[in-house]
Each structure stands twice: as C-alpha cells, then as structure tokens.
C-alpha cells in the first residue's frame, strides 16, 4: 500500500493488522490496533526517545509533532495552529468543557444521546460552576428537520424564562447509542444564530464522514 492508495474498508484491510485469525473486532474505535505498516515508524520514534531522551524531548519531538499536525490539518481542512493532539476524545472534551467562560446561572444545552462520559463531564461542570442543564430528549427515528425544529423550540422556550442564557450546546457528529449521524453542521448554524457556542464530539467522524471540505 502506498501513500496514494485508498483501501476499501472492512475485510479487505484485515491483513493490514496483527489480529489473531479467529478474532473479530467489533469496537475498533475504543479498543483498536494500529496498522502493521506503522509499527516500524512507531519503533523508530521510540528508539529516538531511548537513545537520547534529552535531544528528543527538548528538540526533535516538536518537529515531528508539527509535521503530523500539518498532515492532519490538511486532512480536516483546518488551521494547524488550531489543532492540538490529545490522548483521546474525552481528554479533549474535558479540557475544553472545563475551560469554558461560564458563570453561575448560565445554561448548557445537550441531548439524551450524549456519550456517557461526555454527559458525566457536563454534570461535573454543572455542579462545579452552578450551571443549569437543559437536556433535549431525542426519540429516534427522527428526521434531521425534526431534530432541528426541536432544538429551535427548546432554545425559544428557555429564552422566555429569563432565568439565564444558554451559552453552549454539546452535540455529537455521530452518536453511539443509537448509532445516528447527527445534523451537527446545521445545528451549529442554528445555535450560532442565538449566540450559543457549539461543542461537537467528533469521535469517529473523520473516518465515517470521509474527507470533505466542510
């Protein structure tokens, strides 16, 4: 496989991994394995760290990080300066959620389909900062229009209460339970009209939605 080859996913790429012959990976996102072709790269980076830790950690490591960040930025059409590598999706969610400029009485809008760890983070922020939570219950099957209408309706209802403003909306790109593509792009535009920030859990989105210009 060369750098320009785009393999067909599924069984066709199983040989690219070190899976045992009788092992069927049902949750490659949470507990996955790296492709065999990356093992020499990983080994090379480890050796650079082992043979001279000071040189690697003080100088060489940052060049590698910048190179990889530029590659990812090109993939997702983003400014490299706005990308940060994290250990996993929840590290990123927690880091941003706990640094939001929220004040007591502000509201967070989120959905019953939120990943359980994301919901735990939302509740932590609520208890720590005395934030009010507004949860929208999505009862699938629903069309994207129905979801967006429910968001609009909920925002308008909360605004009429005059007891605090919704400052941020947590949403998925693809929810896990149920496995549904959320209309996050339209939802971002919708909440932005109400001066509400968007926090999107984009775990798995790049692989599932493909390389787009959006």
N, C-alpha and C. Protein backbone atom coordinates (compact mmCIF):
# COMPACT_ATOMS: atom_id res chain seq x y z
N UNK A 1 0.85 -1.20 0.00
CA UNK A 1 0.00 0.00 0.00
C UNK A 1 0.88 1.25 0.00
N UNK A 2 0.70 2.17 -0.95
CA UNK A 2 1.49 3.39 -0.97
C UNK A 2 0.65 4.55 -0.43
N UNK A 3 1.25 5.73 -0.42
CA UNK A 3 0.59 6.88 0.21
C UNK A 3 -0.64 7.34 -0.54
N UNK A 4 -0.79 6.96 -1.82
CA UNK A 4 -1.92 7.44 -2.60
C UNK A 4 -3.04 6.40 -2.67
N UNK A 5 -2.81 5.21 -2.14
CA UNK A 5 -3.82 4.17 -2.21
C UNK A 5 -4.88 4.37 -1.13
N UNK A 6 -6.13 4.31 -1.54
CA UNK A 6 -7.24 4.40 -0.59
C UNK A 6 -7.90 3.03 -0.54
N UNK A 7 -7.61 2.23 0.48
CA UNK A 7 -8.13 0.86 0.52
C UNK A 7 -9.62 0.81 0.82
N UNK A 8 -10.26 -0.21 0.34
CA UNK A 8 -11.65 -0.43 0.68
C UNK A 8 -11.70 -1.00 2.09
N UNK A 9 -12.52 -0.41 2.93
CA UNK A 9 -12.55 -0.79 4.33
C UNK A 9 -13.25 -2.13 4.53
N UNK A 10 -13.13 -2.67 5.74
CA UNK A 10 -13.75 -3.96 6.04
C UNK A 10 -12.74 -5.08 5.98
N UNK A 11 -13.17 -6.25 5.53
CA UNK A 11 -12.29 -7.42 5.49
C UNK A 11 -11.08 -7.23 4.60
N UNK A 12 -11.21 -6.34 3.61
CA UNK A 12 -10.11 -6.14 2.67
C UNK A 12 -8.85 -5.60 3.33
N UNK A 13 -8.99 -4.95 4.48
CA UNK A 13 -7.80 -4.40 5.13
C UNK A 13 -7.44 -5.17 6.40
N UNK A 14 -8.12 -6.26 6.66
CA UNK A 14 -7.80 -7.04 7.85
C UNK A 14 -6.34 -7.49 7.86
N UNK A 15 -5.81 -7.81 6.70
CA UNK A 15 -4.43 -8.29 6.62
C UNK A 15 -3.44 -7.20 6.99
N UNK A 16 -3.88 -5.96 7.04
CA UNK A 16 -3.00 -4.86 7.39
C UNK A 16 -2.79 -4.75 8.90
N UNK A 17 -3.50 -5.58 9.68
CA UNK A 17 -3.41 -5.55 11.13
C UNK A 17 -2.90 -6.89 11.66
N UNK A 18 -2.52 -6.92 12.93
CA UNK A 18 -1.96 -8.11 13.55
C UNK A 18 -3.00 -8.94 14.30
N UNK A 19 -4.26 -8.78 13.94
CA UNK A 19 -5.31 -9.51 14.65
C UNK A 19 -5.11 -11.02 14.56
N UNK A 20 -5.46 -11.71 15.64
CA UNK A 20 -5.47 -13.17 15.62
C UNK A 20 -6.50 -13.64 14.59
N UNK A 21 -6.26 -14.76 13.93
CA UNK A 21 -7.15 -15.23 12.86
C UNK A 21 -8.61 -15.37 13.28
N UNK A 22 -8.86 -15.78 14.52
CA UNK A 22 -10.24 -16.01 14.96
C UNK A 22 -10.81 -14.83 15.75
N UNK A 23 -10.11 -13.70 15.71
CA UNK A 23 -10.57 -12.52 16.46
C UNK A 23 -11.36 -11.60 15.54
N UNK A 24 -12.57 -11.23 15.97
CA UNK A 24 -13.41 -10.30 15.21
C UNK A 24 -13.53 -9.02 16.04
N UNK A 25 -12.99 -7.94 15.52
CA UNK A 25 -13.01 -6.67 16.24
C UNK A 25 -14.33 -5.95 15.99
N UNK A 26 -15.14 -5.84 17.04
CA UNK A 26 -16.44 -5.18 16.92
C UNK A 26 -16.38 -3.72 17.36
N UNK A 27 -15.32 -3.35 18.06
CA UNK A 27 -15.24 -1.99 18.60
C UNK A 27 -13.84 -1.45 18.37
N UNK A 28 -13.49 -1.27 17.11
CA UNK A 28 -12.14 -0.84 16.77
C UNK A 28 -11.88 0.60 17.21
N UNK A 29 -12.94 1.34 17.48
CA UNK A 29 -12.76 2.73 17.90
C UNK A 29 -12.25 2.85 19.32
N UNK A 30 -12.83 2.10 20.24
CA UNK A 30 -12.43 2.18 21.65
C UNK A 30 -11.18 1.37 21.93
N UNK A 31 -11.12 0.15 21.38
CA UNK A 31 -10.00 -0.75 21.66
C UNK A 31 -9.46 -1.27 20.33
N UNK A 32 -8.68 -0.42 19.68
CA UNK A 32 -8.22 -0.77 18.35
C UNK A 32 -6.77 -1.15 18.30
N UNK A 33 -6.28 -1.34 17.08
CA UNK A 33 -4.89 -1.72 16.83
C UNK A 33 -4.39 -0.88 15.67
N UNK A 34 -3.10 -0.57 15.67
CA UNK A 34 -2.56 0.23 14.58
C UNK A 34 -2.19 -0.68 13.42
N UNK A 35 -2.20 -0.17 12.20
CA UNK A 35 -1.81 -0.98 11.03
C UNK A 35 -0.36 -1.45 11.13
N UNK A 36 -0.08 -2.60 10.57
CA UNK A 36 1.27 -3.16 10.61
C UNK A 36 2.29 -2.21 9.99
N UNK A 37 1.88 -1.50 8.96
CA UNK A 37 2.82 -0.63 8.28
C UNK A 37 3.32 0.52 9.16
N UNK A 38 2.61 0.80 10.27
CA UNK A 38 3.03 1.87 11.17
C UNK A 38 3.94 1.39 12.29
N UNK A 39 4.05 0.08 12.46
CA UNK A 39 4.89 -0.44 13.54
C UNK A 39 6.35 -0.03 13.41
N UNK A 40 6.96 -0.09 12.22
CA UNK A 40 8.34 0.39 12.11
C UNK A 40 8.48 1.87 12.43
N UNK A 41 7.47 2.66 12.07
CA UNK A 41 7.51 4.09 12.37
C UNK A 41 7.47 4.31 13.88
N UNK A 42 6.57 3.58 14.54
CA UNK A 42 6.45 3.68 15.99
C UNK A 42 7.76 3.26 16.67
N UNK A 43 8.35 2.19 16.18
CA UNK A 43 9.61 1.72 16.75
C UNK A 43 10.72 2.76 16.57
N UNK A 44 10.76 3.37 15.42
CA UNK A 44 11.78 4.38 15.14
C UNK A 44 11.65 5.56 16.09
N UNK A 45 10.42 6.00 16.33
CA UNK A 45 10.21 7.13 17.25
C UNK A 45 10.59 6.75 18.68
N UNK A 46 10.26 5.53 19.07
CA UNK A 46 10.62 5.07 20.41
C UNK A 46 12.14 5.05 20.58
N UNK A 47 12.84 4.58 19.55
CA UNK A 47 14.29 4.49 19.63
C UNK A 47 14.92 5.88 19.72
N UNK A 48 14.37 6.84 19.02
CA UNK A 48 14.90 8.20 19.11
C UNK A 48 14.77 8.74 20.53
N UNK A 49 13.69 8.36 21.19
CA UNK A 49 13.49 8.77 22.57
C UNK A 49 14.44 8.04 23.51
N UNK A 50 14.69 6.76 23.23
CA UNK A 50 15.51 5.95 24.13
C UNK A 50 17.00 6.29 24.03
N UNK A 51 17.50 6.52 22.83
CA UNK A 51 18.95 6.71 22.66
C UNK A 51 19.41 8.07 23.15
N UNK A 52 18.52 9.06 23.12
CA UNK A 52 18.89 10.38 23.62
C UNK A 52 17.62 11.12 24.04
N UNK A 53 17.10 10.81 25.24
CA UNK A 53 15.84 11.42 25.69
C UNK A 53 15.86 12.94 25.70
N UNK A 54 16.98 13.53 26.12
CA UNK A 54 17.04 14.99 26.18
C UNK A 54 16.90 15.63 24.81
N UNK A 55 17.64 15.11 23.85
CA UNK A 55 17.56 15.67 22.49
C UNK A 55 16.16 15.50 21.91
N UNK A 56 15.57 14.31 22.15
CA UNK A 56 14.23 14.03 21.61
C UNK A 56 13.18 14.92 22.26
N UNK A 57 13.16 14.97 23.58
CA UNK A 57 12.11 15.69 24.29
C UNK A 57 12.28 17.21 24.25
N UNK A 58 13.50 17.66 24.09
CA UNK A 58 13.74 19.11 24.07
C UNK A 58 13.71 19.72 22.67
N UNK A 59 14.03 18.92 21.63
CA UNK A 59 14.14 19.50 20.30
C UNK A 59 13.41 18.69 19.22
N UNK A 60 13.81 17.45 19.02
CA UNK A 60 13.35 16.70 17.86
C UNK A 60 11.85 16.38 17.90
N UNK A 61 11.31 16.16 19.08
CA UNK A 61 9.90 15.79 19.19
C UNK A 61 8.97 16.83 18.59
N UNK A 62 9.30 18.10 18.76
CA UNK A 62 8.41 19.17 18.32
C UNK A 62 8.34 19.25 16.80
N UNK A 63 9.43 18.94 16.15
CA UNK A 63 9.42 18.90 14.68
C UNK A 63 8.48 17.83 14.17
N UNK A 64 8.51 16.65 14.81
CA UNK A 64 7.62 15.56 14.42
C UNK A 64 6.16 15.91 14.69
N UNK A 65 5.90 16.55 15.82
CA UNK A 65 4.53 16.94 16.15
C UNK A 65 4.00 17.93 15.12
N UNK A 66 4.81 18.93 14.78
CA UNK A 66 4.38 19.94 13.80
C UNK A 66 4.12 19.30 12.44
N UNK A 67 4.99 18.36 12.03
CA UNK A 67 4.82 17.70 10.75
C UNK A 67 3.50 16.93 10.70
N UNK A 68 3.22 16.20 11.77
CA UNK A 68 1.98 15.43 11.82
C UNK A 68 0.76 16.32 11.95
N UNK A 69 0.90 17.41 12.67
CA UNK A 69 -0.22 18.33 12.81
C UNK A 69 -0.57 18.97 11.46
N UNK A 70 0.43 19.28 10.68
CA UNK A 70 0.18 19.83 9.34
C UNK A 70 -0.52 18.81 8.45
N UNK A 71 -0.14 17.54 8.59
CA UNK A 71 -0.79 16.49 7.80
C UNK A 71 -2.27 16.36 8.18
N UNK A 72 -2.55 16.35 9.47
CA UNK A 72 -3.94 16.25 9.93
C UNK A 72 -4.73 17.49 9.54
N UNK A 73 -4.11 18.66 9.63
CA UNK A 73 -4.79 19.90 9.26
C UNK A 73 -5.22 19.86 7.80
N UNK A 74 -4.36 19.33 6.94
CA UNK A 74 -4.69 19.20 5.53
C UNK A 74 -5.85 18.23 5.32
N UNK A 75 -5.88 17.18 6.13
CA UNK A 75 -6.95 16.19 6.02
C UNK A 75 -8.31 16.77 6.41
N UNK A 76 -8.34 17.55 7.49
CA UNK A 76 -9.63 18.05 8.00
C UNK A 76 -9.88 19.51 7.61
N UNK A 77 -8.98 20.05 6.77
CA UNK A 77 -9.16 21.42 6.27
C UNK A 77 -9.23 22.43 7.42
N UNK A 78 -8.21 22.40 8.27
CA UNK A 78 -8.17 23.30 9.42
C UNK A 78 -6.82 24.01 9.48
N UNK A 79 -6.78 25.05 10.29
CA UNK A 79 -5.53 25.76 10.53
C UNK A 79 -4.70 24.92 11.50
N UNK A 80 -3.45 24.58 11.14
CA UNK A 80 -2.62 23.77 12.04
C UNK A 80 -2.48 24.38 13.43
N UNK A 81 -2.52 25.71 13.50
CA UNK A 81 -2.37 26.38 14.79
C UNK A 81 -3.60 26.20 15.68
N UNK A 82 -4.68 25.68 15.12
CA UNK A 82 -5.89 25.45 15.90
C UNK A 82 -6.09 23.97 16.24
N UNK A 83 -5.07 23.16 15.95
CA UNK A 83 -5.14 21.73 16.23
C UNK A 83 -4.23 21.37 17.39
N UNK A 84 -4.74 20.50 18.26
CA UNK A 84 -3.96 20.02 19.40
C UNK A 84 -4.12 18.51 19.49
N UNK A 85 -3.02 17.80 19.66
CA UNK A 85 -3.10 16.36 19.85
C UNK A 85 -3.46 16.06 21.31
N UNK A 86 -4.39 15.14 21.51
CA UNK A 86 -4.79 14.72 22.85
C UNK A 86 -4.74 13.19 22.91
N UNK A 87 -4.75 12.65 24.13
CA UNK A 87 -4.66 11.20 24.29
C UNK A 87 -5.88 10.49 23.70
N UNK A 88 -7.06 11.09 23.86
CA UNK A 88 -8.29 10.52 23.33
C UNK A 88 -9.34 11.62 23.26
N UNK A 89 -10.50 11.27 22.73
CA UNK A 89 -11.56 12.27 22.54
C UNK A 89 -12.01 12.88 23.87
N UNK A 90 -12.10 12.06 24.92
CA UNK A 90 -12.58 12.56 26.20
C UNK A 90 -11.59 13.53 26.84
N UNK A 91 -10.30 13.33 26.61
CA UNK A 91 -9.33 14.31 27.11
C UNK A 91 -9.59 15.67 26.49
N UNK A 92 -9.86 15.67 25.19
CA UNK A 92 -10.17 16.93 24.52
C UNK A 92 -11.45 17.56 25.02
N UNK A 93 -12.50 16.73 25.16
CA UNK A 93 -13.79 17.24 25.64
C UNK A 93 -13.64 17.84 27.03
N UNK A 94 -12.97 17.12 27.94
CA UNK A 94 -12.81 17.61 29.31
C UNK A 94 -12.00 18.89 29.36
N UNK A 95 -10.93 18.95 28.57
CA UNK A 95 -10.07 20.13 28.58
C UNK A 95 -10.83 21.37 28.17
N UNK A 96 -11.62 21.26 27.10
CA UNK A 96 -12.36 22.42 26.60
C UNK A 96 -13.55 22.73 27.51
N UNK A 97 -14.30 21.70 27.91
CA UNK A 97 -15.51 21.92 28.72
C UNK A 97 -15.19 22.60 30.04
N UNK A 98 -14.09 22.23 30.65
CA UNK A 98 -13.75 22.79 31.96
C UNK A 98 -13.09 24.16 31.87
N UNK A 99 -12.84 24.63 30.66
CA UNK A 99 -12.24 25.95 30.50
C UNK A 99 -13.20 26.95 29.84
N UNK A 100 -14.45 26.53 29.65
CA UNK A 100 -15.43 27.44 29.04
C UNK A 100 -15.71 28.62 29.97
N UNK A 101 -15.88 29.81 29.40
CA UNK A 101 -16.13 31.01 30.22
C UNK A 101 -17.59 31.08 30.69
N UNK A 102 -17.97 30.16 31.57
CA UNK A 102 -19.34 30.10 32.06
C UNK A 102 -19.43 30.70 33.46
N UNK A 103 -20.61 31.23 33.76
CA UNK A 103 -20.87 31.81 35.07
C UNK A 103 -22.10 31.17 35.67
N UNK A 104 -22.24 31.30 36.99
CA UNK A 104 -23.39 30.72 37.68
C UNK A 104 -24.68 31.22 37.05
N UNK A 105 -25.58 30.29 36.77
CA UNK A 105 -26.86 30.66 36.15
C UNK A 105 -26.90 30.45 34.66
N UNK A 106 -25.72 30.33 34.02
CA UNK A 106 -25.69 30.03 32.59
C UNK A 106 -26.22 28.62 32.34
N UNK A 107 -26.61 28.36 31.10
CA UNK A 107 -27.20 27.06 30.77
C UNK A 107 -26.38 26.34 29.71
N UNK A 108 -26.38 25.02 29.83
CA UNK A 108 -25.76 24.15 28.83
C UNK A 108 -26.86 23.32 28.18
N UNK A 109 -26.90 23.33 26.87
CA UNK A 109 -27.86 22.53 26.12
C UNK A 109 -27.18 21.26 25.64
N UNK A 110 -27.83 20.12 25.88
CA UNK A 110 -27.26 18.86 25.39
C UNK A 110 -28.38 17.86 25.13
N UNK A 111 -28.02 16.66 24.70
CA UNK A 111 -29.01 15.68 24.24
C UNK A 111 -28.89 14.37 25.02
N UNK A 112 -30.00 13.65 25.08
CA UNK A 112 -30.00 12.36 25.80
C UNK A 112 -29.14 11.31 25.10
N UNK A 113 -28.71 11.60 23.89
CA UNK A 113 -27.86 10.67 23.14
C UNK A 113 -26.37 10.92 23.39
N UNK A 114 -26.05 11.84 24.29
CA UNK A 114 -24.64 12.15 24.56
C UNK A 114 -23.92 10.91 25.07
N UNK A 115 -22.68 10.75 24.67
CA UNK A 115 -21.85 9.65 25.16
C UNK A 115 -21.78 9.75 26.67
N UNK A 116 -21.83 8.62 27.37
CA UNK A 116 -21.96 8.66 28.83
C UNK A 116 -20.84 9.45 29.50
N UNK A 117 -19.62 9.34 29.00
CA UNK A 117 -18.52 10.09 29.60
C UNK A 117 -18.65 11.59 29.35
N UNK A 118 -19.21 11.94 28.20
CA UNK A 118 -19.45 13.35 27.90
C UNK A 118 -20.51 13.90 28.85
N UNK A 119 -21.57 13.13 29.07
CA UNK A 119 -22.62 13.57 29.99
C UNK A 119 -22.06 13.73 31.41
N UNK A 120 -21.16 12.85 31.81
CA UNK A 120 -20.54 12.97 33.13
C UNK A 120 -19.75 14.27 33.24
N UNK A 121 -19.06 14.63 32.16
CA UNK A 121 -18.32 15.89 32.15
C UNK A 121 -19.26 17.08 32.25
N UNK A 122 -20.37 17.02 31.52
CA UNK A 122 -21.36 18.10 31.56
C UNK A 122 -21.90 18.27 32.98
N UNK A 123 -22.19 17.16 33.64
CA UNK A 123 -22.72 17.22 35.01
C UNK A 123 -21.67 17.73 36.00
N UNK A 124 -20.39 17.40 35.74
CA UNK A 124 -19.33 17.93 36.58
C UNK A 124 -19.27 19.45 36.47
N UNK A 125 -19.32 19.96 35.24
CA UNK A 125 -19.29 21.40 35.02
C UNK A 125 -20.48 22.05 35.70
N UNK A 126 -21.62 21.40 35.62
CA UNK A 126 -22.84 21.93 36.25
C UNK A 126 -22.68 22.07 37.75
N UNK A 127 -22.16 21.03 38.40
CA UNK A 127 -22.01 21.05 39.85
C UNK A 127 -20.90 22.00 40.29
N UNK A 128 -19.84 22.08 39.51
CA UNK A 128 -18.69 22.91 39.89
C UNK A 128 -18.97 24.40 39.69
N UNK A 129 -19.62 24.73 38.60
CA UNK A 129 -19.84 26.13 38.26
C UNK A 129 -21.28 26.60 38.48
N UNK A 130 -22.12 25.72 39.08
CA UNK A 130 -23.52 26.07 39.31
C UNK A 130 -24.23 26.46 38.01
N UNK A 131 -24.03 25.60 37.02
CA UNK A 131 -24.64 25.80 35.70
C UNK A 131 -25.95 25.03 35.63
N UNK A 132 -26.89 25.54 34.85
CA UNK A 132 -28.16 24.84 34.64
C UNK A 132 -28.07 24.00 33.37
N UNK A 133 -28.59 22.79 33.44
CA UNK A 133 -28.57 21.89 32.29
C UNK A 133 -29.95 21.83 31.64
N UNK A 134 -29.93 21.87 30.32
CA UNK A 134 -31.16 21.74 29.53
C UNK A 134 -30.95 20.55 28.59
N UNK A 135 -31.67 19.48 28.86
CA UNK A 135 -31.50 18.27 28.05
C UNK A 135 -32.65 18.11 27.07
N UNK A 136 -32.30 17.83 25.83
CA UNK A 136 -33.30 17.55 24.80
C UNK A 136 -33.36 16.04 24.58
N UNK A 137 -34.52 15.48 24.72
CA UNK A 137 -34.71 14.04 24.51
C UNK A 137 -35.05 13.78 23.05
N UNK A 138 -34.19 13.02 22.40
CA UNK A 138 -34.41 12.65 21.01
C UNK A 138 -34.95 11.22 20.97
N UNK A 139 -36.12 11.04 20.40
CA UNK A 139 -36.74 9.72 20.31
C UNK A 139 -36.70 9.27 18.86
N UNK A 140 -35.61 8.60 18.49
CA UNK A 140 -35.46 8.14 17.12
C UNK A 140 -36.40 6.97 16.83
N UNK A 141 -36.82 6.82 15.55
CA UNK A 141 -36.35 7.53 14.35
C UNK A 141 -36.91 8.94 14.25
N UNK A 142 -36.05 9.87 13.87
CA UNK A 142 -36.41 11.27 13.65
C UNK A 142 -35.68 11.78 12.42
N UNK A 143 -36.30 12.70 11.72
CA UNK A 143 -35.63 13.32 10.59
C UNK A 143 -34.76 14.45 11.10
N UNK A 144 -33.82 14.88 10.28
CA UNK A 144 -32.96 16.00 10.66
C UNK A 144 -33.79 17.25 10.92
N UNK A 145 -34.79 17.46 10.12
CA UNK A 145 -35.65 18.63 10.29
C UNK A 145 -36.35 18.59 11.65
N UNK A 146 -36.81 17.43 12.06
CA UNK A 146 -37.47 17.30 13.36
C UNK A 146 -36.50 17.60 14.49
N UNK A 147 -35.27 17.13 14.34
CA UNK A 147 -34.25 17.40 15.37
C UNK A 147 -33.98 18.89 15.46
N UNK A 148 -33.81 19.54 14.33
CA UNK A 148 -33.51 20.97 14.30
C UNK A 148 -34.67 21.79 14.83
N UNK A 149 -35.89 21.39 14.50
CA UNK A 149 -37.07 22.09 15.00
C UNK A 149 -37.15 21.98 16.52
N UNK A 150 -36.80 20.82 17.05
CA UNK A 150 -36.85 20.62 18.50
C UNK A 150 -35.78 21.47 19.20
N UNK A 151 -34.63 21.61 18.57
CA UNK A 151 -33.59 22.48 19.13
C UNK A 151 -34.07 23.92 19.17
N UNK A 152 -34.63 24.38 18.05
CA UNK A 152 -35.14 25.75 17.98
C UNK A 152 -36.23 25.99 19.01
N UNK A 153 -37.14 25.05 19.12
CA UNK A 153 -38.24 25.16 20.07
C UNK A 153 -37.73 25.23 21.51
N UNK A 154 -36.75 24.40 21.82
CA UNK A 154 -36.20 24.37 23.18
C UNK A 154 -35.48 25.67 23.52
N UNK A 155 -34.71 26.20 22.58
CA UNK A 155 -34.00 27.46 22.81
C UNK A 155 -34.98 28.59 23.06
N UNK A 156 -36.01 28.67 22.23
CA UNK A 156 -37.01 29.73 22.38
C UNK A 156 -37.73 29.62 23.72
N UNK A 157 -38.04 28.40 24.12
CA UNK A 157 -38.73 28.18 25.40
C UNK A 157 -37.85 28.60 26.57
N UNK A 158 -36.57 28.25 26.50
CA UNK A 158 -35.65 28.61 27.59
C UNK A 158 -35.43 30.12 27.64
N UNK A 159 -35.37 30.77 26.49
CA UNK A 159 -35.17 32.22 26.46
C UNK A 159 -36.34 32.97 27.09
N UNK A 160 -37.53 32.41 26.96
CA UNK A 160 -38.71 33.06 27.51
C UNK A 160 -38.74 33.03 29.04
N UNK A 161 -37.95 32.14 29.64
CA UNK A 161 -37.95 32.02 31.10
C UNK A 161 -37.19 33.16 31.79
N UNK A 162 -36.28 33.79 31.07
CA UNK A 162 -35.47 34.88 31.63
C UNK A 162 -34.77 34.48 32.93
N UNK A 163 -34.26 33.26 32.96
CA UNK A 163 -33.56 32.79 34.16
C UNK A 163 -32.14 32.32 33.83
N UNK A 164 -31.57 32.93 32.83
CA UNK A 164 -30.22 32.55 32.40
C UNK A 164 -30.22 32.19 30.92
N UNK A 165 -29.09 32.41 30.30
CA UNK A 165 -28.98 32.17 28.86
C UNK A 165 -28.23 30.88 28.57
N UNK A 166 -28.63 30.22 27.49
CA UNK A 166 -27.88 29.05 27.03
C UNK A 166 -26.60 29.57 26.38
N UNK A 167 -25.47 29.11 26.91
CA UNK A 167 -24.19 29.61 26.42
C UNK A 167 -23.46 28.62 25.51
N UNK A 168 -23.74 27.33 25.67
CA UNK A 168 -23.04 26.33 24.85
C UNK A 168 -23.94 25.12 24.63
N UNK A 169 -23.81 24.54 23.47
CA UNK A 169 -24.59 23.34 23.12
C UNK A 169 -23.62 22.20 22.82
N UNK A 170 -23.74 21.12 23.59
CA UNK A 170 -22.94 19.92 23.35
C UNK A 170 -23.71 19.02 22.38
N UNK A 171 -23.02 18.55 21.35
CA UNK A 171 -23.67 17.68 20.37
C UNK A 171 -22.68 16.69 19.81
N UNK A 172 -23.18 15.62 19.23
CA UNK A 172 -22.35 14.62 18.56
C UNK A 172 -22.28 14.89 17.07
N UNK A 173 -21.24 14.40 16.44
CA UNK A 173 -21.24 14.29 14.99
C UNK A 173 -21.95 12.99 14.63
N UNK A 174 -21.54 11.92 15.33
CA UNK A 174 -22.20 10.62 15.21
C UNK A 174 -22.43 10.11 16.62
N UNK A 175 -23.68 9.91 17.01
CA UNK A 175 -23.95 9.40 18.35
C UNK A 175 -23.68 7.90 18.40
N UNK A 176 -23.39 7.40 19.60
CA UNK A 176 -23.06 5.98 19.73
C UNK A 176 -24.29 5.13 20.05
N UNK A 177 -25.20 5.68 20.86
CA UNK A 177 -26.42 4.94 21.20
C UNK A 177 -27.61 5.89 21.08
N UNK A 178 -28.38 5.80 20.00
CA UNK A 178 -28.18 4.90 18.86
C UNK A 178 -27.10 5.44 17.91
N UNK A 179 -26.64 4.59 17.02
CA UNK A 179 -25.62 4.99 16.04
C UNK A 179 -26.29 5.79 14.93
N UNK A 180 -26.27 7.12 15.09
CA UNK A 180 -27.00 8.00 14.17
C UNK A 180 -26.11 9.18 13.80
N UNK A 181 -26.15 9.54 12.53
CA UNK A 181 -25.47 10.75 12.08
C UNK A 181 -26.31 11.95 12.50
N UNK A 182 -25.77 12.75 13.40
CA UNK A 182 -26.48 13.92 13.90
C UNK A 182 -26.28 15.08 12.93
N UNK A 183 -27.32 15.90 12.70
CA UNK A 183 -27.18 17.03 11.76
C UNK A 183 -26.38 18.17 12.39
N UNK A 184 -25.13 17.87 12.73
CA UNK A 184 -24.34 18.82 13.52
C UNK A 184 -24.01 20.11 12.76
N UNK A 185 -23.80 20.00 11.46
CA UNK A 185 -23.46 21.20 10.70
C UNK A 185 -24.62 22.21 10.71
N UNK A 186 -25.82 21.71 10.49
CA UNK A 186 -27.00 22.59 10.53
C UNK A 186 -27.27 23.06 11.95
N UNK A 187 -27.03 22.18 12.93
CA UNK A 187 -27.27 22.54 14.32
C UNK A 187 -26.30 23.64 14.77
N UNK A 188 -25.07 23.56 14.31
CA UNK A 188 -24.09 24.61 14.64
C UNK A 188 -24.56 25.96 14.13
N UNK A 189 -25.03 25.99 12.89
CA UNK A 189 -25.53 27.24 12.31
C UNK A 189 -26.75 27.74 13.07
N UNK A 190 -27.61 26.82 13.48
CA UNK A 190 -28.83 27.19 14.19
C UNK A 190 -28.51 27.84 15.53
N UNK A 191 -27.69 27.18 16.34
CA UNK A 191 -27.40 27.73 17.67
C UNK A 191 -26.57 28.99 17.60
N UNK A 192 -25.77 29.10 16.53
CA UNK A 192 -24.95 30.31 16.37
C UNK A 192 -25.84 31.54 16.22
N UNK A 193 -26.99 31.38 15.58
CA UNK A 193 -27.93 32.50 15.44
C UNK A 193 -28.40 33.01 16.79
N UNK A 194 -28.33 32.15 17.80
CA UNK A 194 -28.75 32.53 19.15
C UNK A 194 -27.55 32.83 20.04
N UNK A 195 -26.39 33.06 19.43
CA UNK A 195 -25.15 33.38 20.17
C UNK A 195 -24.77 32.27 21.14
N UNK A 196 -24.96 31.03 20.71
CA UNK A 196 -24.62 29.86 21.51
C UNK A 196 -23.43 29.16 20.89
N UNK A 197 -22.44 28.89 21.73
CA UNK A 197 -21.26 28.16 21.26
C UNK A 197 -21.60 26.69 21.01
N UNK A 198 -20.85 26.04 20.14
CA UNK A 198 -21.05 24.62 19.86
C UNK A 198 -19.84 23.82 20.34
N UNK A 199 -20.14 22.71 20.98
CA UNK A 199 -19.09 21.76 21.38
C UNK A 199 -19.44 20.43 20.74
N UNK A 200 -18.67 20.03 19.72
CA UNK A 200 -19.01 18.83 18.95
C UNK A 200 -18.08 17.68 19.32
N UNK A 201 -18.68 16.58 19.75
CA UNK A 201 -17.92 15.35 19.97
C UNK A 201 -17.80 14.67 18.61
N UNK A 202 -16.63 14.81 18.00
CA UNK A 202 -16.44 14.31 16.64
C UNK A 202 -15.75 12.97 16.56
N UNK A 203 -15.78 12.20 17.67
CA UNK A 203 -15.14 10.88 17.64
C UNK A 203 -15.72 10.04 16.50
N UNK A 204 -14.83 9.46 15.68
CA UNK A 204 -15.17 8.61 14.54
C UNK A 204 -15.66 9.38 13.31
N UNK A 205 -15.87 10.67 13.44
CA UNK A 205 -16.47 11.42 12.35
C UNK A 205 -15.59 11.45 11.10
N UNK A 206 -14.28 11.62 11.28
CA UNK A 206 -13.40 11.73 10.12
C UNK A 206 -13.43 10.44 9.30
N UNK A 207 -13.36 9.30 9.98
CA UNK A 207 -13.39 8.03 9.27
C UNK A 207 -14.71 7.71 8.63
N UNK A 208 -15.80 8.11 9.29
CA UNK A 208 -17.13 7.77 8.79
C UNK A 208 -17.63 8.75 7.72
N UNK A 209 -17.33 10.03 7.91
CA UNK A 209 -17.86 11.05 7.00
C UNK A 209 -16.94 11.31 5.83
N UNK A 210 -15.70 10.83 5.93
CA UNK A 210 -14.80 10.98 4.79
C UNK A 210 -14.10 12.32 4.79
N UNK A 211 -13.30 12.52 3.75
CA UNK A 211 -12.53 13.73 3.58
C UNK A 211 -13.33 14.73 2.78
N UNK A 212 -13.96 15.67 3.47
CA UNK A 212 -14.80 16.67 2.82
C UNK A 212 -14.21 18.04 3.03
N UNK A 213 -14.79 19.02 2.38
CA UNK A 213 -14.37 20.40 2.55
C UNK A 213 -15.17 21.11 3.62
N UNK A 214 -15.99 20.38 4.37
CA UNK A 214 -16.85 21.01 5.36
C UNK A 214 -16.13 21.15 6.69
